[in-house]
C-alpha cells in the first residue's frame, strides 16, 4: 500500500530539518497526534521515536493489531546546504506485527517557504489478510503523520 503525503510550511527548509531532529519538538509532535508513552532519541542525523498509538482495528485484524500498538519509527536525515534541501529515510515497525513500512522524506525550498513530502510503502506478506493489514497500518500512519505535521507547521 503506497502512502504519499506533502505539506506546505511557511518556514525555511533548514528550520524544518532542525525541528525534525529536535527531541523535544518530536515529543510534542507525537503528543499532538494523541500517542502515549513516547520516547525520543536523537543521535547525529538519526532519530528514533517509540510510542503507543491507538488504532481502529477491523474485526478480521484483531489477531494482529490491538487497540493500542507499540510503534517504533526511525528516521535518518541528511542536509544538503548547497541545494537547501533535506533527504530522509523512514522506517516504521509495529511491534509484534509482521509488517514493514519504509520510504523517504524530503524537505525542499519552494519560494519563501518549503514543502515536506513523504513517500512510504506498507507491506505485509501474511496470506489473505496481508493487504488489509497493510492498508489499515498505512491509514494509521497517515492519520498520525498528518497530525504531527500540522503541529510542526504551526510551531514558531
Protein backbone atom coordinates (compact mmCIF):
# COMPACT_ATOMS: atom_id res chain seq x y z
CA UNK A 1 0.00 0.00 0.00
CA UNK A 2 1.57 3.26 -1.18
CA UNK A 3 1.29 6.31 1.07
CA UNK A 4 2.18 9.81 -0.13
CA UNK A 5 1.81 12.97 1.91
CA UNK A 6 3.01 16.50 1.12
CA UNK A 7 2.53 19.56 3.29
CA UNK A 8 3.49 23.20 2.66
CA UNK A 9 5.10 25.02 5.55
CA UNK A 10 5.72 28.74 5.95
CA UNK A 11 9.26 28.12 7.15
CA UNK A 12 12.71 27.82 5.68
CA UNK A 13 13.76 24.23 4.88
CA UNK A 14 16.68 24.19 7.34
CA UNK A 15 14.35 25.22 10.18
CA UNK A 16 12.15 22.17 9.43
CA UNK A 17 15.24 19.95 9.26
CA UNK A 18 16.38 21.17 12.68
CA UNK A 19 12.93 20.73 14.20
CA UNK A 20 12.60 17.18 12.84
CA UNK A 21 15.81 16.26 14.65
CA UNK A 22 14.99 18.05 17.91
CA UNK A 23 13.91 15.58 20.60
CA UNK A 24 11.61 17.97 22.48
CA UNK A 25 9.89 19.04 19.28
CA UNK A 26 9.36 15.42 18.20
CA UNK A 27 7.91 14.51 21.61
CA UNK A 28 5.46 17.41 21.28
CA UNK A 29 4.55 16.37 17.71
CA UNK A 30 3.87 12.79 18.82
CA UNK A 31 1.81 14.03 21.75
CA UNK A 32 -0.21 16.27 19.43
CA UNK A 33 -1.15 13.14 17.46
CA UNK A 34 -2.52 11.50 20.61
CA UNK A 35 0.24 8.94 21.17
CA UNK A 36 1.17 7.85 24.66
CA UNK A 37 4.37 6.65 26.31
CA UNK A 38 6.55 8.49 23.79
CA UNK A 39 10.33 8.13 23.94
CA UNK A 40 12.54 10.04 21.52
CA UNK A 41 16.26 9.53 20.98
CA UNK A 42 18.40 11.58 18.62
CA UNK A 43 21.98 10.78 17.66
CA UNK A 44 23.55 12.75 14.85
CA UNK A 45 21.14 12.75 11.92
CA UNK A 46 19.22 9.71 13.20
CA UNK A 47 16.07 9.93 15.27
CA UNK A 48 14.06 7.11 16.82
CA UNK A 49 10.57 7.54 18.26
CA UNK A 50 8.96 4.80 20.32
CA UNK A 51 5.32 5.33 21.17
CA UNK A 52 1.95 3.69 21.66
CA UNK A 53 -0.65 4.58 19.05
CA UNK A 54 -4.38 3.99 19.19
CA UNK A 55 -5.78 2.14 16.19
CA UNK A 56 -9.29 1.49 14.94
CA UNK A 57 -8.98 -2.25 14.32
CA UNK A 58 -11.28 -4.05 11.86
CA UNK A 59 -12.57 -7.36 13.31
CA UNK A 60 -10.57 -9.53 10.88
CA UNK A 61 -7.29 -7.94 12.07
CA UNK A 62 -7.72 -8.29 15.83
CA UNK A 63 -5.24 -11.20 15.87
CA UNK A 64 -2.56 -8.80 14.56
CA UNK A 65 -3.41 -5.34 15.88
CA UNK A 66 -4.62 -4.24 19.29
CA UNK A 67 -6.43 -1.06 20.21
CA UNK A 68 -3.06 0.40 21.34
CA UNK A 69 0.06 -0.64 19.40
CA UNK A 70 3.75 -0.05 20.14
CA UNK A 71 5.28 1.73 17.13
CA UNK A 72 8.99 2.24 16.53
CA UNK A 73 9.84 4.86 13.92
CA UNK A 74 13.39 5.51 12.77
CA UNK A 75 14.40 8.40 10.53
CA UNK A 76 17.82 9.22 9.13
CA UNK A 77 18.07 12.78 7.77
CA UNK A 78 20.85 14.44 5.77
CA UNK A 79 21.09 18.12 4.89
CA UNK A 80 22.38 19.38 1.52
CA UNK A 81 23.20 23.04 2.16
CA UNK A 82 24.12 23.68 -1.46
CA UNK A 83 20.68 22.63 -2.70
CA UNK A 84 18.97 23.81 0.51
CA UNK A 85 17.15 20.53 0.94
CA UNK A 86 16.94 17.62 3.35
CA UNK A 87 16.57 13.95 2.46
CA UNK A 88 15.47 11.26 4.85
CA UNK A 89 14.92 7.51 5.09
CA UNK A 90 11.96 6.41 7.18
CA UNK A 91 11.26 3.01 8.71
CA UNK A 92 8.20 2.24 10.83
CA UNK A 93 7.65 -1.03 12.68
CA UNK A 94 4.63 -2.06 14.71
CA UNK A 95 5.85 -4.31 17.50
CA UNK A 96 4.61 -7.89 17.09
CA UNK A 97 3.05 -7.26 13.67
CA UNK A 98 4.52 -8.88 10.51
CA UNK A 99 4.52 -5.64 8.58
CA UNK A 100 7.05 -3.18 7.19
CA UNK A 101 6.56 0.48 6.36
CA UNK A 102 9.56 2.07 4.68
CA UNK A 103 10.20 5.06 2.48
CA UNK A 104 11.62 8.52 2.10
CA UNK A 105 11.09 12.05 3.29
CA UNK A 106 12.20 15.21 1.53
CA UNK A 107 12.36 18.86 2.60
CA UNK A 108 12.54 21.26 -0.36
CA UNK A 109 12.52 25.03 -0.76
CA UNK A 110 9.53 26.50 -2.58
CA UNK A 111 9.83 30.28 -2.96
CA UNK A 112 9.92 31.74 0.59
CA UNK A 113 8.65 28.56 2.27
CA UNK A 114 9.13 24.82 1.93
CA UNK A 115 7.44 21.51 1.34
CA UNK A 116 7.85 18.39 3.42
CA UNK A 117 6.95 15.25 1.48
CA UNK A 118 6.84 11.60 2.46
CA UNK A 119 6.55 8.55 0.21
CA UNK A 120 6.06 5.34 2.16
CA UNK A 121 5.21 1.76 1.27
CA UNK A 122 3.38 -0.52 3.72
CA UNK A 123 3.84 -4.22 3.05
CA UNK A 124 2.60 -7.34 4.79
CA UNK A 125 3.16 -10.82 3.39
CA UNK A 126 0.62 -12.62 5.57
CA UNK A 127 -1.67 -14.71 3.32
CA UNK A 128 -5.25 -13.48 2.92
CA UNK A 129 -5.12 -10.57 5.40
CA UNK A 130 -1.79 -9.00 4.36
CA UNK A 131 -3.22 -6.32 2.05
CA UNK A 132 -5.93 -5.40 4.57
CA UNK A 133 -3.36 -5.21 7.36
CA UNK A 134 -1.05 -3.04 5.22
CA UNK A 135 -3.96 -0.73 4.32
CA UNK A 136 -5.02 -0.36 7.99
CA UNK A 137 -1.44 0.35 9.07
CA UNK A 138 -0.97 2.89 6.25
CA UNK A 139 -4.17 4.67 7.31
CA UNK A 140 -2.95 4.78 10.93
CA UNK A 141 0.43 6.17 9.81
CA UNK A 142 -1.18 8.76 7.52
CA UNK A 143 -3.51 9.98 10.27
CA UNK A 144 -0.68 10.30 12.80
CA UNK A 145 1.69 11.90 10.29
CA UNK A 146 -0.93 14.49 9.30
CA UNK A 147 -1.49 15.44 12.95
CA UNK A 148 2.25 15.59 13.70
CA UNK A 149 3.00 17.72 10.64
CA UNK A 150 0.08 20.05 11.34
CA UNK A 151 1.62 20.63 14.79
CA UNK A 152 5.04 21.25 13.20
CA UNK A 153 3.59 23.66 10.63
CA UNK A 154 2.01 25.75 13.40
CA UNK A 155 5.11 25.72 15.62
CA UNK A 156 7.02 29.02 15.65
